[in-house]
Amino acid sequence: MEKPFRTAEEQVDILESRGLKVTDRDDAVRTLLSWNYYTLVNGYKDMFLDSAKSREANDDRYVEGAYFEQLKLAYALDRGFRSVTMDILMQAESVMKTSLIHAFCQKYGGGDSYLEEGWECGVDFYRGPKEDYVSNLSRLKDTLKKMRRNSRHKDYIQHYIDEYGNVPLWVLAPCLNFGDVAMLFDFQGDAVQNLACANVAKASGKSQISPRKMREAYQIMTPFRNICAHNERVFCAKVGPRGQYRMKDLFNALSIVLPEKDVCRYAQKIRYYITVVEDEDLLGKVLAGMNMSYEEIDKLASAE
């Protein structure tokens, strides 16, 4: 059955009928016309729902004392989180991508070496699900081939084709997304993985980074990067194969690959957004979603 369209005014009526208090109806209508209902309400309502009453009514029911303004503040806070998180993830992505490509090309040379056979690790070394080895490798190689073939419209790539007749991986790098880079790392053998880790360590002033730690960093940061890019919830996100990673783990992953001062400045920005929240109930829910205490964030923000 098709769900009927509801005006912003009708959407406010629905929210009030479910127990959500609206102190400024005109502001709520303007908000729902500006911020999509499903992004705002469906995105952040869970922390304000009464699970027992919702089950009994077979529909959403809000806890006593829940306000529309709390939903609005949660959305605005998360938007700030997304902005600063995207910035630092792009920084991490750049160093991880560049370091891996340097390692790959040092081992296998320039030109179109990534289109050749033999650079991938065997299934026994592969740390992803063994049953996905063939399909994942095929997908990665298809992606690299398509990028090489379909990127002629980019001036810098066409220049290399005209001048040298090939497109080295370091030239193709801007076309690779974080997921592509993570998969490329997974399919490297010991030599390239260790060299890539050494490159990241050198770039970030670290003493040493193990391939296991680097894989974990990719596993955490790649989905968070996608969350930020698609305007999804950050502070309560759970990522990883079992949903075992949260924002606390993101801080740990960033600390693996970036200088301490950069992680510190990121923590300072997160701390700023948290300190402007005067609603203690909402603040508690946000920190619980992050799986962090204010003291942990403050310690990271004071490390510089």
Protein backbone atom coordinates (compact mmCIF):
# COMPACT_ATOMS: atom_id res chain seq x y z
CA MET A 1 0.00 0.00 0.00
CA GLU A 2 1.32 3.42 -0.96
CA LYS A 3 2.16 5.73 1.93
CA PRO A 4 0.34 9.06 1.59
CA PHE A 5 2.21 12.34 1.22
CA ARG A 6 2.20 14.53 4.33
CA THR A 7 2.72 18.27 4.47
CA ALA A 8 5.16 19.70 7.01
CA GLU A 9 2.20 20.79 9.16
CA GLU A 10 0.79 17.25 9.07
CA GLN A 11 4.19 15.83 9.94
CA VAL A 12 4.28 18.03 13.06
CA ASP A 13 0.81 16.73 13.98
CA ILE A 14 2.05 13.14 13.67
CA LEU A 15 5.05 13.81 15.87
CA GLU A 16 2.89 15.42 18.55
CA SER A 17 0.43 12.51 18.43
CA ARG A 18 3.35 10.19 19.17
CA GLY A 19 4.30 12.11 22.29
CA LEU A 20 7.00 14.45 20.99
CA LYS A 21 6.63 17.93 22.46
CA VAL A 22 6.83 20.86 20.03
CA THR A 23 7.34 24.23 21.74
CA ASP A 24 7.48 26.35 18.57
CA ARG A 25 5.24 24.94 15.87
CA ASP A 26 6.20 27.52 13.21
CA ASP A 27 9.89 26.78 13.73
CA ALA A 28 9.20 23.03 13.50
CA VAL A 29 7.39 23.50 10.18
CA ARG A 30 10.23 25.63 8.80
CA THR A 31 12.75 23.03 9.97
CA LEU A 32 10.91 20.16 8.27
CA LEU A 33 10.73 22.17 5.06
CA SER A 34 14.48 22.80 5.26
CA TRP A 35 15.74 19.47 6.61
CA ASN A 36 14.14 16.38 5.16
CA TYR A 37 11.77 14.66 7.65
CA TYR A 38 13.36 11.26 7.15
CA THR A 39 16.88 12.64 7.56
CA LEU A 40 15.99 14.53 10.73
CA VAL A 41 13.33 12.43 12.44
CA ASN A 42 14.10 8.90 11.29
CA GLY A 43 17.79 9.63 11.57
CA TYR A 44 17.79 10.66 15.24
CA LYS A 45 14.51 9.52 16.80
CA ASP A 46 15.76 6.18 18.19
CA MET A 47 17.50 7.74 21.19
CA PHE A 48 14.24 9.45 22.19
CA LEU A 49 11.79 6.56 21.72
CA ASP A 50 10.10 4.60 24.50
CA SER A 51 10.68 1.02 23.32
CA ALA A 52 7.99 -0.54 25.52
CA LYS A 53 5.28 1.93 24.50
CA SER A 54 6.36 1.70 20.85
CA ARG A 55 6.01 -2.09 20.91
CA GLU A 56 2.62 -1.85 22.57
CA ALA A 57 1.36 0.71 20.04
CA ASN A 58 3.12 -0.93 17.11
CA ASP A 59 4.25 2.57 16.20
CA ASP A 60 6.71 5.19 17.43
CA ARG A 61 6.13 6.55 20.92
CA TYR A 62 8.49 9.09 22.46
CA VAL A 63 9.74 9.08 26.03
CA GLU A 64 8.22 11.54 28.46
CA GLY A 65 9.88 14.92 28.12
CA ALA A 66 11.29 14.44 24.61
CA TYR A 67 11.22 17.64 22.54
CA PHE A 68 11.40 18.34 18.81
CA GLU A 69 14.18 20.79 19.59
CA GLN A 70 16.30 17.87 20.82
CA LEU A 71 15.99 16.17 17.45
CA LYS A 72 16.95 19.42 15.78
CA LEU A 73 19.97 19.92 18.03
CA ALA A 74 21.10 16.31 17.54
CA TYR A 75 20.97 16.80 13.77
CA ALA A 76 22.87 20.12 13.93
CA LEU A 77 25.49 18.64 16.25
CA ASP A 78 26.01 15.64 13.98
CA ARG A 79 26.30 17.91 10.96
CA GLY A 80 29.20 19.65 12.70
CA PHE A 81 30.73 16.28 13.55
CA ARG A 82 30.44 15.19 9.92
CA SER A 83 32.17 18.29 8.62
CA VAL A 84 35.27 18.05 10.84
CA THR A 85 35.37 14.25 10.58
CA MET A 86 35.31 14.39 6.78
CA ASP A 87 38.20 16.86 6.83
CA ILE A 88 40.49 14.66 8.91
CA LEU A 89 39.48 11.49 7.06
CA MET A 90 40.46 13.10 3.76
CA GLN A 91 43.82 13.92 5.35
CA ALA A 92 44.24 10.30 6.50
CA GLU A 93 43.09 9.00 3.12
CA SER A 94 45.71 11.10 1.34
CA VAL A 95 48.67 9.83 3.38
CA MET A 96 47.47 6.20 3.28
CA LYS A 97 46.84 6.29 -0.46
CA THR A 98 50.10 8.06 -1.33
CA SER A 99 52.18 5.79 0.88
CA LEU A 100 50.65 2.64 -0.61
CA ILE A 101 51.11 3.82 -4.20
CA HIS A 102 54.75 4.71 -3.50
CA ALA A 103 55.28 1.22 -2.07
CA PHE A 104 53.49 -0.49 -4.98
CA CYS A 105 55.43 1.39 -7.64
CA GLN A 106 58.73 0.90 -5.83
CA LYS A 107 58.09 -2.84 -5.95
CA TYR A 108 56.44 -3.23 -9.37
CA GLY A 109 57.53 -0.14 -11.29
CA GLY A 110 55.56 2.55 -13.07
CA GLY A 111 53.69 2.38 -16.34
CA ASP A 112 50.60 0.17 -16.40
CA SER A 113 52.06 -2.35 -13.94
CA TYR A 114 48.79 -2.51 -11.99
CA LEU A 115 47.12 -3.97 -15.10
CA GLU A 116 49.60 -6.84 -15.23
CA GLU A 117 49.36 -10.18 -13.43
CA GLY A 118 51.39 -11.19 -10.41
CA TRP A 119 51.23 -8.26 -8.01
CA GLU A 120 48.37 -9.71 -5.94
CA CYS A 121 49.00 -11.88 -2.89
CA GLY A 122 47.84 -15.49 -2.78
CA VAL A 123 44.67 -16.59 -1.07
CA ASP A 124 46.63 -17.99 1.90
CA PHE A 125 48.09 -14.56 2.70
CA TYR A 126 44.85 -12.66 2.05
CA ARG A 127 43.39 -11.39 5.33
CA GLY A 128 39.84 -10.84 4.07
CA PRO A 129 37.22 -13.60 3.93
CA LYS A 130 38.86 -16.41 1.98
CA GLU A 131 35.60 -17.22 0.18
CA ASP A 132 35.58 -13.66 -1.24
CA TYR A 133 39.17 -13.71 -2.50
CA VAL A 134 38.38 -14.41 -6.16
CA SER A 135 35.37 -12.07 -6.42
CA ASN A 136 37.07 -9.21 -4.58
CA LEU A 137 40.25 -9.49 -6.62
CA SER A 138 38.26 -9.60 -9.85
CA ARG A 139 36.30 -6.52 -8.79
CA LEU A 140 39.45 -4.61 -7.88
CA LYS A 141 41.17 -5.41 -11.18
CA ASP A 142 38.02 -4.50 -13.12
CA THR A 143 37.90 -1.18 -11.26
CA LEU A 144 41.52 -0.40 -12.12
CA LYS A 145 40.98 -1.32 -15.78
CA LYS A 146 37.86 0.86 -16.03
CA MET A 147 39.60 3.81 -14.42
CA ARG A 148 42.51 3.45 -16.82
CA ARG A 149 40.16 3.19 -19.80
CA ASN A 150 37.57 5.79 -18.83
CA SER A 151 39.79 8.57 -17.49
CA ARG A 152 41.00 9.92 -20.82
CA HIS A 153 38.81 13.01 -20.42
CA LYS A 154 41.05 14.13 -17.54
CA ASP A 155 43.76 16.35 -18.98
CA TYR A 156 46.56 15.12 -16.75
CA ILE A 157 45.82 11.48 -17.66
CA GLN A 158 45.54 12.20 -21.38
CA HIS A 159 48.90 13.97 -21.16
CA TYR A 160 50.56 10.82 -19.84
CA ILE A 161 48.91 8.69 -22.51
CA ASP A 162 50.04 11.07 -25.27
CA GLU A 163 53.53 11.56 -23.83
CA TYR A 164 54.38 8.10 -22.49
CA GLY A 165 51.71 5.71 -23.74
CA ASN A 166 50.75 4.60 -20.24
CA VAL A 167 49.18 5.82 -16.98
CA PRO A 168 51.21 5.06 -13.84
CA LEU A 169 49.34 4.32 -10.64
CA TRP A 170 50.55 7.58 -9.08
CA VAL A 171 48.82 9.48 -11.90
CA LEU A 172 45.64 7.43 -11.55
CA ALA A 173 45.63 8.02 -7.77
CA PRO A 174 42.98 10.82 -7.69
CA CYS A 175 40.50 8.41 -9.31
CA LEU A 176 40.86 5.87 -6.48
CA ASN A 177 38.42 6.18 -3.59
CA PHE A 178 39.15 5.09 -0.02
CA GLY A 179 37.49 1.71 -0.56
CA ASP A 180 39.62 1.05 -3.66
CA VAL A 181 42.79 1.88 -1.72
CA ALA A 182 41.77 -0.35 1.21
CA MET A 183 41.18 -3.26 -1.16
CA LEU A 184 44.46 -2.62 -2.98
CA PHE A 185 46.27 -2.78 0.37
CA ASP A 186 44.53 -6.05 1.28
CA PHE A 187 45.79 -7.71 -1.90
CA GLN A 188 49.44 -6.80 -1.40
CA GLY A 189 52.06 -9.18 -0.07
CA ASP A 190 54.39 -8.62 2.87
CA ALA A 191 56.89 -6.48 0.98
CA VAL A 192 54.44 -3.82 -0.23
CA GLN A 193 52.36 -3.79 2.95
CA ASN A 194 55.42 -3.33 5.16
CA LEU A 195 56.81 -0.61 2.91
CA ALA A 196 53.45 1.18 2.80
CA CYS A 197 53.30 1.09 6.63
CA ALA A 198 56.85 2.41 6.84
CA ASN A 199 55.92 5.25 4.48
CA VAL A 200 52.92 6.24 6.59
CA ALA A 201 55.03 6.09 9.75
CA LYS A 202 57.65 8.34 8.19
CA ALA A 203 55.05 10.82 6.93
CA SER A 204 53.33 11.00 10.32
CA GLY A 205 56.36 10.87 12.59
CA LYS A 206 55.53 7.42 13.99
CA SER A 207 58.15 4.88 15.00
CA GLN A 208 56.43 1.87 13.46
CA ILE A 209 53.05 0.73 12.14
CA SER A 210 52.21 -2.94 11.61
CA PRO A 211 50.19 -4.19 8.60
CA ARG A 212 47.62 -5.57 11.06
CA LYS A 213 47.12 -2.11 12.57
CA MET A 214 46.94 -0.58 9.10
CA ARG A 215 44.26 -3.07 8.02
CA GLU A 216 42.25 -2.20 11.13
CA ALA A 217 42.59 1.51 10.36
CA TYR A 218 41.26 0.93 6.83
CA GLN A 219 38.41 -1.21 8.21
CA ILE A 220 37.31 1.60 10.53
CA MET A 221 37.97 4.69 8.44
CA THR A 222 36.57 3.54 5.09
CA PRO A 223 32.94 3.19 6.31
CA PHE A 224 33.18 6.40 8.35
CA ARG A 225 34.37 8.17 5.19
CA ASN A 226 31.30 6.83 3.35
CA ILE A 227 29.01 7.89 6.19
CA CYS A 228 30.30 11.46 6.01
CA ALA A 229 30.10 11.55 2.22
CA HIS A 230 26.46 10.38 2.23
CA ASN A 231 25.28 12.69 5.02
CA GLU A 232 24.50 9.83 7.41
CA ARG A 233 24.72 9.71 11.21
CA VAL A 234 28.23 9.92 12.63
CA PHE A 235 28.15 10.17 16.41
CA CYS A 236 26.09 7.00 16.84
CA ALA A 237 27.53 5.09 13.87
CA LYS A 238 28.54 1.45 14.31
CA VAL A 239 30.81 0.10 11.58
CA GLY A 240 32.85 -2.99 10.86
CA PRO A 241 31.83 -6.57 10.03
CA ARG A 242 29.96 -6.91 13.34
CA GLY A 243 29.23 -3.25 13.97
CA GLN A 244 31.94 -3.33 16.61
CA TYR A 245 33.60 0.01 15.81
CA ARG A 246 32.34 3.44 16.91
CA MET A 247 33.72 6.97 17.11
CA LYS A 248 36.06 6.01 19.94
CA ASP A 249 37.64 3.47 17.58
CA LEU A 250 37.83 6.12 14.85
CA PHE A 251 39.99 8.25 17.14
CA ASN A 252 42.24 5.23 17.71
CA ALA A 253 42.48 4.54 13.96
CA LEU A 254 43.36 8.15 13.20
CA SER A 255 46.05 8.02 15.88
CA ILE A 256 47.66 5.11 14.01
CA VAL A 257 48.25 7.04 10.77
CA LEU A 258 48.28 10.76 11.61
CA PRO A 259 50.52 12.97 13.76
CA GLU A 260 49.32 13.39 17.34
CA LYS A 261 48.86 17.13 16.87
CA ASP A 262 46.36 16.58 14.04
CA VAL A 263 44.29 14.11 16.06
CA CYS A 264 44.45 16.56 18.97
CA ARG A 265 43.05 19.39 16.83
CA TYR A 266 40.27 17.11 15.59
CA ALA A 267 39.42 16.25 19.20
CA GLN A 268 39.37 19.98 20.02
CA LYS A 269 36.77 20.56 17.32
CA ILE A 270 34.63 17.67 18.55
CA ARG A 271 34.98 18.96 22.12
CA TYR A 272 33.82 22.40 21.01
CA TYR A 273 30.60 21.01 19.51
CA ILE A 274 29.96 19.00 22.66
CA THR A 275 30.53 21.91 25.04
CA VAL A 276 27.87 24.04 23.36
CA VAL A 277 25.21 21.39 24.14
CA GLU A 278 23.44 22.55 27.28
CA ASP A 279 20.91 19.70 27.24
CA GLU A 280 22.46 17.15 29.63
CA ASP A 281 20.12 14.37 28.51
CA LEU A 282 21.05 14.82 24.85
CA LEU A 283 24.75 15.14 25.71
CA GLY A 284 24.62 11.83 27.55
CA LYS A 285 23.01 10.16 24.55
CA VAL A 286 25.61 11.60 22.18
CA LEU A 287 28.54 10.44 24.31
CA ALA A 288 26.96 7.01 24.67
CA GLY A 289 26.60 6.82 20.89
CA MET A 290 30.28 7.68 20.51
CA ASN A 291 31.19 5.14 23.22
CA MET A 292 33.27 7.86 24.86
CA SER A 293 33.24 9.98 27.98
CA TYR A 294 33.77 13.73 27.96
CA GLU A 295 36.98 13.14 29.93
CA GLU A 296 38.37 10.90 27.15
CA ILE A 297 37.65 13.54 24.51
CA ASP A 298 39.12 16.28 26.69
CA LYS A 299 42.30 14.24 27.22
CA LEU A 300 42.75 13.79 23.46
CA ALA A 301 42.05 17.49 22.89
CA SER A 302 44.65 18.50 25.49
CA ALA A 303 47.46 16.30 24.16
CA GLU A 304 49.04 18.95 21.91
